[in-house]
Amino acid sequence: MTVPALRIAVLVPCFNEEAAVATVVSDFRKALPTAQIFVYDNNSRDRTVEVARAAGAIVRSERRQGKGHVVRRMFADVDADVYVLVDGDATYDAPSAPRMIDALVNDHLDMVVGFRVDQSVAAYRPGHRTGNWMLTSFLSSVFGQAFKDILSGYRVFSRRFVKSFPVLSDGFEIETELSVHALELALPVMEVETPYYARPEGSFSKLNTWRDGFRILGTILKLYRSEKPLRFFTVIGVFLMLVSIGLAIPVIITYLEEGIVPRLPTAVLSMGLMIVAVLSVASGLVLDTVTRGRREMKLLAYLSQPAIGRD
């Protein structure tokens, strides 16, 4: 390790991972001998808690169902200099952790994402691969190019990031929120290629390609609305303006030719849409000012935490 004195915490959220959690704890104990390994159980119905405790992990629990709730609890409870967040399904490569931590410390970063390189066909289902590509591309077009794998569950964080990150998600969309937070504040981040393995026998994925994909897409849209309100509401306003103008043109032509307005409801609808369009743009302007102030508060919270290696 580059800085032996660093306090390292490995955070493992688990839900029914009896078949894999012992392997995860053992592998990270070998890769990071000085780290504390925390397993947070999320209402598992199998022997996840007993197996994790027998493997030597510090076991705690979060009753509110959802990975986002678990991450919020872990980030609030655990005190360390470097945090390694990894799923408890034994699909991520523990020997990559020291390399990721070295990158975090040496390059003065706040987040290092494990870019998954699948080692077998079974490791990465085609539906998940396609969904990840679509969501990553959409996120890049909205917030800027920074990640190739926004849904990776293998990440290393600085204390600054963890203690200033307001977790709002409650499910698997937490990875998207982590990525957007880093992009929003222009934090120094990078990706490191890591092997990605198939789940061990007896371990099953809790992800649903369509359901969780739509939830993550919805999270991106909500974050886009809250973080870039001027663009969001201007697009809506321009669309309504175009519809309003399209409805108004025939009415105006008829009035100029015949001096009457035979389609009064259409004229009223057109006027109403134009008013809503102007209000939409005005709302975007107001919310953009609010968002800027909120972003400044997040940045101040981030800067209030000491950097790695400093008191």
Protein backbone atom coordinates (compact mmCIF):
# COMPACT_ATOMS: atom_id res chain seq x y z
CA MET A 1 0.00 0.00 0.00
CA THR A 2 1.16 3.52 -0.77
CA VAL A 3 0.10 4.94 2.61
CA PRO A 4 0.15 2.17 5.29
CA ALA A 5 -1.47 4.40 7.93
CA LEU A 6 -4.70 4.78 5.99
CA ARG A 7 -7.83 3.47 7.64
CA ILE A 8 -9.56 1.35 5.00
CA ALA A 9 -13.14 0.11 5.26
CA VAL A 10 -14.62 -2.48 2.91
CA LEU A 11 -18.39 -2.03 2.72
CA VAL A 12 -20.42 -5.03 1.53
CA PRO A 13 -24.21 -4.61 1.18
CA CYS A 14 -25.90 -8.02 1.16
CA PHE A 15 -29.33 -9.50 0.49
CA ASN A 16 -29.54 -13.30 0.46
CA GLU A 17 -25.86 -13.86 -0.34
CA GLU A 18 -25.23 -16.95 1.80
CA ALA A 19 -23.47 -18.70 -1.08
CA ALA A 20 -21.03 -15.89 -1.86
CA VAL A 21 -20.44 -13.61 1.13
CA ALA A 22 -17.78 -15.80 2.80
CA THR A 23 -15.74 -15.75 -0.42
CA VAL A 24 -16.02 -11.96 -0.61
CA VAL A 25 -14.87 -11.50 2.99
CA SER A 26 -12.00 -13.97 2.60
CA ASP A 27 -10.78 -12.49 -0.70
CA PHE A 28 -10.78 -8.91 0.58
CA ARG A 29 -9.10 -9.99 3.82
CA LYS A 30 -6.24 -11.36 1.70
CA ALA A 31 -6.11 -8.34 -0.62
CA LEU A 32 -6.38 -5.73 2.16
CA PRO A 33 -5.06 -7.30 5.39
CA THR A 34 -5.35 -4.09 7.42
CA ALA A 35 -8.87 -3.18 6.31
CA GLN A 36 -12.02 -3.52 8.35
CA ILE A 37 -14.69 -5.45 6.48
CA PHE A 38 -18.31 -4.48 7.16
CA VAL A 39 -21.19 -6.61 5.92
CA TYR A 40 -24.54 -4.85 6.07
CA ASP A 41 -27.44 -7.28 5.82
CA ASN A 42 -30.66 -6.07 4.22
CA ASN A 43 -33.36 -8.43 5.58
CA SER A 44 -31.82 -11.61 4.18
CA ARG A 45 -33.94 -14.73 4.53
CA ASP A 46 -31.01 -17.13 4.39
CA ARG A 47 -27.86 -17.56 6.52
CA THR A 48 -26.04 -14.50 5.18
CA VAL A 49 -25.52 -13.01 8.65
CA GLU A 50 -24.18 -16.21 10.22
CA VAL A 51 -21.87 -16.97 7.30
CA ALA A 52 -20.49 -13.41 7.15
CA ARG A 53 -19.85 -13.34 10.90
CA ALA A 54 -18.13 -16.74 10.79
CA ALA A 55 -15.91 -15.44 7.98
CA GLY A 56 -14.68 -12.64 10.25
CA ALA A 57 -16.68 -9.65 9.01
CA ILE A 58 -18.24 -6.97 11.19
CA VAL A 59 -21.94 -7.59 10.57
CA ARG A 60 -24.61 -4.92 10.86
CA SER A 61 -28.11 -4.58 9.44
CA GLU A 62 -30.42 -2.12 7.67
CA ARG A 63 -34.14 -2.87 7.86
CA ARG A 64 -35.33 -0.54 5.10
CA GLN A 65 -35.26 -2.59 1.94
CA GLY A 66 -33.11 -1.37 -0.93
CA LYS A 67 -29.42 -0.95 -1.71
CA GLY A 68 -29.69 2.84 -1.52
CA HIS A 69 -30.87 2.63 2.09
CA VAL A 70 -27.99 0.29 2.92
CA VAL A 71 -25.38 2.57 1.33
CA ARG A 72 -26.82 5.58 3.19
CA ARG A 73 -26.48 3.70 6.48
CA MET A 74 -22.94 2.50 5.73
CA PHE A 75 -21.71 5.94 4.71
CA ALA A 76 -23.19 7.45 7.88
CA ASP A 77 -21.97 4.78 10.33
CA VAL A 78 -18.47 3.86 9.19
CA ASP A 79 -15.51 6.15 9.82
CA ALA A 80 -12.43 5.64 7.62
CA ASP A 81 -10.02 7.39 5.26
CA VAL A 82 -10.74 5.16 2.25
CA TYR A 83 -13.94 3.28 1.52
CA VAL A 84 -14.23 0.26 -0.77
CA LEU A 85 -17.82 -0.43 -1.82
CA VAL A 86 -18.39 -3.88 -3.34
CA ASP A 87 -21.38 -6.17 -3.85
CA GLY A 88 -21.55 -9.38 -1.83
CA ASP A 89 -22.04 -11.68 -4.82
CA ALA A 90 -18.35 -12.58 -5.40
CA THR A 91 -18.38 -11.25 -8.96
CA TYR A 92 -15.79 -8.49 -8.38
CA ASP A 93 -12.03 -8.95 -8.23
CA ALA A 94 -10.63 -8.36 -4.74
CA PRO A 95 -6.93 -8.27 -5.86
CA SER A 96 -7.80 -5.13 -7.88
CA ALA A 97 -8.61 -3.22 -4.68
CA PRO A 98 -4.99 -2.23 -3.78
CA ARG A 99 -4.46 -0.92 -7.31
CA MET A 100 -7.68 1.12 -7.12
CA ILE A 101 -6.72 2.53 -3.71
CA ASP A 102 -3.24 3.42 -4.97
CA ALA A 103 -4.83 5.33 -7.85
CA LEU A 104 -7.14 7.15 -5.44
CA VAL A 105 -4.27 8.19 -3.15
CA ASN A 106 -1.49 8.85 -5.65
CA ASP A 107 -3.64 10.82 -8.09
CA HIS A 108 -5.57 12.63 -5.33
CA LEU A 109 -8.94 11.36 -6.56
CA ASP A 110 -12.31 11.14 -4.84
CA MET A 111 -13.74 8.10 -6.61
CA VAL A 112 -12.30 5.19 -8.57
CA VAL A 113 -14.80 3.01 -10.42
CA GLY A 114 -14.10 -0.61 -11.28
CA PHE A 115 -14.75 -0.83 -15.03
CA ARG A 116 -16.01 -4.40 -15.47
CA VAL A 117 -14.26 -6.69 -17.95
CA ASP A 118 -16.28 -9.91 -17.99
CA GLN A 119 -14.36 -13.16 -17.76
CA SER A 120 -17.17 -15.41 -18.99
CA VAL A 121 -20.40 -15.16 -20.97
CA ALA A 122 -22.43 -15.87 -17.84
CA ALA A 123 -20.86 -12.95 -15.95
CA TYR A 124 -22.64 -10.20 -17.87
CA ARG A 125 -26.08 -10.92 -19.32
CA PRO A 126 -26.74 -9.35 -22.76
CA GLY A 127 -29.74 -7.41 -21.44
CA HIS A 128 -27.70 -5.88 -18.64
CA ARG A 129 -24.85 -5.07 -21.01
CA THR A 130 -27.20 -3.29 -23.44
CA GLY A 131 -29.00 -1.45 -20.65
CA ASN A 132 -25.71 -0.32 -19.12
CA TRP A 133 -24.50 0.99 -22.49
CA MET A 134 -27.75 2.88 -23.11
CA LEU A 135 -27.83 4.45 -19.65
CA THR A 136 -24.13 5.32 -19.75
CA SER A 137 -24.56 6.97 -23.15
CA PHE A 138 -27.59 8.92 -21.95
CA LEU A 139 -25.77 10.06 -18.81
CA SER A 140 -22.78 11.16 -20.88
CA SER A 141 -24.98 13.20 -23.21
CA VAL A 142 -26.65 14.92 -20.26
CA PHE A 143 -23.84 15.40 -17.75
CA GLY A 144 -20.68 14.92 -19.81
CA GLN A 145 -18.39 12.04 -20.70
CA ALA A 146 -16.61 10.62 -17.66
CA PHE A 147 -17.63 6.98 -17.20
CA LYS A 148 -17.92 3.89 -19.36
CA ASP A 149 -19.64 1.81 -16.68
CA ILE A 150 -21.94 3.86 -14.47
CA LEU A 151 -23.65 0.78 -12.99
CA SER A 152 -20.53 -0.84 -11.56
CA GLY A 153 -20.97 -1.82 -7.91
CA TYR A 154 -17.22 -1.82 -7.28
CA ARG A 155 -15.97 1.62 -6.22
CA VAL A 156 -13.33 3.20 -4.01
CA PHE A 157 -14.07 6.55 -2.33
CA SER A 158 -12.25 9.18 -0.35
CA ARG A 159 -13.62 10.27 3.00
CA ARG A 160 -14.39 13.65 1.43
CA PHE A 161 -16.75 12.04 -1.06
CA VAL A 162 -18.51 9.72 1.39
CA LYS A 163 -19.15 12.27 4.13
CA SER A 164 -20.44 14.95 1.75
CA PHE A 165 -22.62 12.73 -0.44
CA PRO A 166 -26.38 13.06 0.24
CA VAL A 167 -27.81 9.62 -0.59
CA LEU A 168 -31.36 10.06 -1.92
CA SER A 169 -31.92 6.82 -3.83
CA ASP A 170 -33.37 3.74 -2.18
CA GLY A 171 -32.53 0.99 -4.70
CA PHE A 172 -30.02 -0.08 -7.34
CA GLU A 173 -30.10 3.37 -8.91
CA ILE A 174 -27.61 4.41 -6.20
CA GLU A 175 -24.72 3.80 -8.65
CA THR A 176 -26.22 6.35 -11.03
CA GLU A 177 -26.59 8.87 -8.22
CA LEU A 178 -22.96 8.38 -7.18
CA SER A 179 -21.79 9.06 -10.73
CA VAL A 180 -23.98 12.14 -11.17
CA HIS A 181 -22.80 13.59 -7.85
CA ALA A 182 -19.19 13.34 -9.00
CA LEU A 183 -20.00 14.92 -12.36
CA GLU A 184 -22.12 17.67 -10.81
CA LEU A 185 -19.30 18.88 -8.55
CA ALA A 186 -16.57 18.13 -11.13
CA LEU A 187 -14.79 15.86 -8.64
CA PRO A 188 -11.59 14.08 -9.72
CA VAL A 189 -12.52 10.51 -10.68
CA MET A 190 -11.25 7.71 -12.89
CA GLU A 191 -12.06 4.16 -14.00
CA VAL A 192 -9.80 1.13 -13.55
CA GLU A 193 -10.38 -2.07 -15.50
CA THR A 194 -11.18 -5.01 -13.22
CA PRO A 195 -12.14 -8.63 -13.98
CA TYR A 196 -15.83 -9.42 -13.60
CA TYR A 197 -16.81 -13.01 -12.83
CA ALA A 198 -19.98 -15.08 -12.93
CA ARG A 199 -21.84 -15.61 -9.67
CA PRO A 200 -20.92 -18.77 -7.74
CA GLU A 201 -23.35 -21.66 -7.79
CA GLY A 202 -26.31 -21.04 -5.50
CA SER A 203 -26.13 -17.25 -5.80
CA PHE A 204 -28.82 -15.46 -7.80
CA SER A 205 -29.08 -11.91 -9.13
CA LYS A 206 -31.73 -9.63 -7.62
CA LEU A 207 -31.68 -7.33 -10.66
CA ASN A 208 -34.53 -7.20 -13.13
CA THR A 209 -33.32 -5.87 -16.47
CA TRP A 210 -36.48 -3.94 -17.39
CA ARG A 211 -37.75 -2.89 -13.97
CA ASP A 212 -34.41 -1.68 -12.62
CA GLY A 213 -33.44 -0.23 -16.01
CA PHE A 214 -36.54 1.98 -16.04
CA ARG A 215 -35.92 2.95 -12.40
CA ILE A 216 -32.37 4.01 -13.23
CA LEU A 217 -33.56 5.92 -16.32
CA GLY A 218 -36.18 7.64 -14.16
CA THR A 219 -33.46 8.55 -11.67
CA ILE A 220 -31.38 10.14 -14.44
CA LEU A 221 -34.38 12.19 -15.62
CA LYS A 222 -35.15 13.34 -12.08
CA LEU A 223 -31.52 14.28 -11.52
CA TYR A 224 -31.50 16.11 -14.86
CA ARG A 225 -34.57 18.06 -13.78
CA SER A 226 -33.07 18.94 -10.40
CA GLU A 227 -29.48 19.60 -11.51
CA LYS A 228 -30.12 21.27 -14.89
CA PRO A 229 -33.58 22.80 -14.50
CA LEU A 230 -33.07 25.60 -17.03
CA ARG A 231 -32.38 23.14 -19.84
CA PHE A 232 -35.12 20.78 -18.70
CA PHE A 233 -37.90 23.36 -18.48
CA THR A 234 -36.69 25.27 -21.55
CA VAL A 235 -37.09 22.12 -23.66
CA ILE A 236 -40.65 21.73 -22.34
CA GLY A 237 -41.34 25.42 -22.94
CA VAL A 238 -40.03 25.35 -26.52
CA PHE A 239 -42.12 22.26 -27.30
CA LEU A 240 -45.28 23.92 -25.96
CA MET A 241 -44.48 27.10 -27.87
CA LEU A 242 -44.18 25.19 -31.14
CA VAL A 243 -47.49 23.42 -30.52
CA SER A 244 -49.12 26.73 -29.64
CA ILE A 245 -47.80 28.41 -32.81
CA GLY A 246 -48.89 25.43 -34.91
CA LEU A 247 -52.45 25.73 -33.59
CA ALA A 248 -52.50 29.51 -33.91
CA ILE A 249 -51.35 29.83 -37.54
CA PRO A 250 -54.62 28.58 -39.17
CA VAL A 251 -56.67 30.78 -36.81
CA ILE A 252 -54.57 33.87 -37.66
CA ILE A 253 -54.77 33.19 -41.40
CA THR A 254 -58.56 32.82 -41.22
CA TYR A 255 -58.82 36.05 -39.24
CA LEU A 256 -56.66 37.95 -41.74
CA GLU A 257 -58.65 36.64 -44.70
CA GLU A 258 -62.20 36.78 -43.32
CA GLY A 259 -61.96 39.03 -40.26
CA ILE A 260 -63.51 36.41 -37.95
CA VAL A 261 -62.31 33.77 -35.48
CA PRO A 262 -64.52 30.73 -36.15
CA ARG A 263 -62.45 28.34 -34.02
CA LEU A 264 -62.47 30.12 -30.68
CA PRO A 265 -61.62 27.00 -28.60
CA THR A 266 -58.47 26.48 -30.71
CA ALA A 267 -57.47 30.11 -30.18
CA VAL A 268 -57.99 29.80 -26.42
CA LEU A 269 -55.99 26.53 -26.34
CA SER A 270 -53.16 28.12 -28.29
CA MET A 271 -53.04 31.10 -25.94
CA GLY A 272 -53.11 28.81 -22.89
CA LEU A 273 -50.24 26.69 -24.21
CA MET A 274 -48.17 29.79 -24.87
CA ILE A 275 -48.74 31.03 -21.32
CA VAL A 276 -47.72 27.64 -19.89
CA ALA A 277 -44.62 27.65 -22.12
CA VAL A 278 -43.53 31.06 -20.82
CA LEU A 279 -44.16 29.92 -17.23
CA SER A 280 -42.07 26.79 -17.86
CA VAL A 281 -39.07 28.83 -19.02
CA ALA A 282 -39.52 31.25 -16.12
CA SER A 283 -39.62 28.33 -13.66
CA GLY A 284 -36.40 27.02 -15.16
CA LEU A 285 -34.69 30.37 -14.60
CA VAL A 286 -35.78 30.50 -10.95
CA LEU A 287 -34.85 26.88 -10.23
CA ASP A 288 -31.49 27.31 -11.92
CA THR A 289 -30.60 29.95 -9.33
CA VAL A 290 -31.77 27.65 -6.53
CA THR A 291 -29.76 24.75 -7.95
CA ARG A 292 -26.62 26.86 -8.14
CA GLY A 293 -26.98 27.73 -4.45
CA ARG A 294 -27.57 24.06 -3.55
CA ARG A 295 -24.52 23.01 -5.56
CA GLU A 296 -22.41 25.57 -3.69
CA MET A 297 -23.61 24.11 -0.37
CA LYS A 298 -22.64 20.59 -1.51
CA LEU A 299 -19.22 21.84 -2.54
CA LEU A 300 -18.71 23.57 0.82
CA ALA A 301 -19.68 20.33 2.61
CA TYR A 302 -17.15 18.50 0.43
CA LEU A 303 -14.39 21.02 1.15
CA SER A 304 -15.06 20.89 4.90
CA GLN A 305 -13.68 17.33 4.96
CA PRO A 306 -9.88 16.87 5.05
CA ALA A 307 -8.15 15.40 2.01
CA ILE A 308 -6.47 11.99 2.23
CA GLY A 309 -3.29 12.13 4.27
CA ARG A 310 -4.13 15.48 5.89
CA ASP A 311 -5.49 16.27 9.35
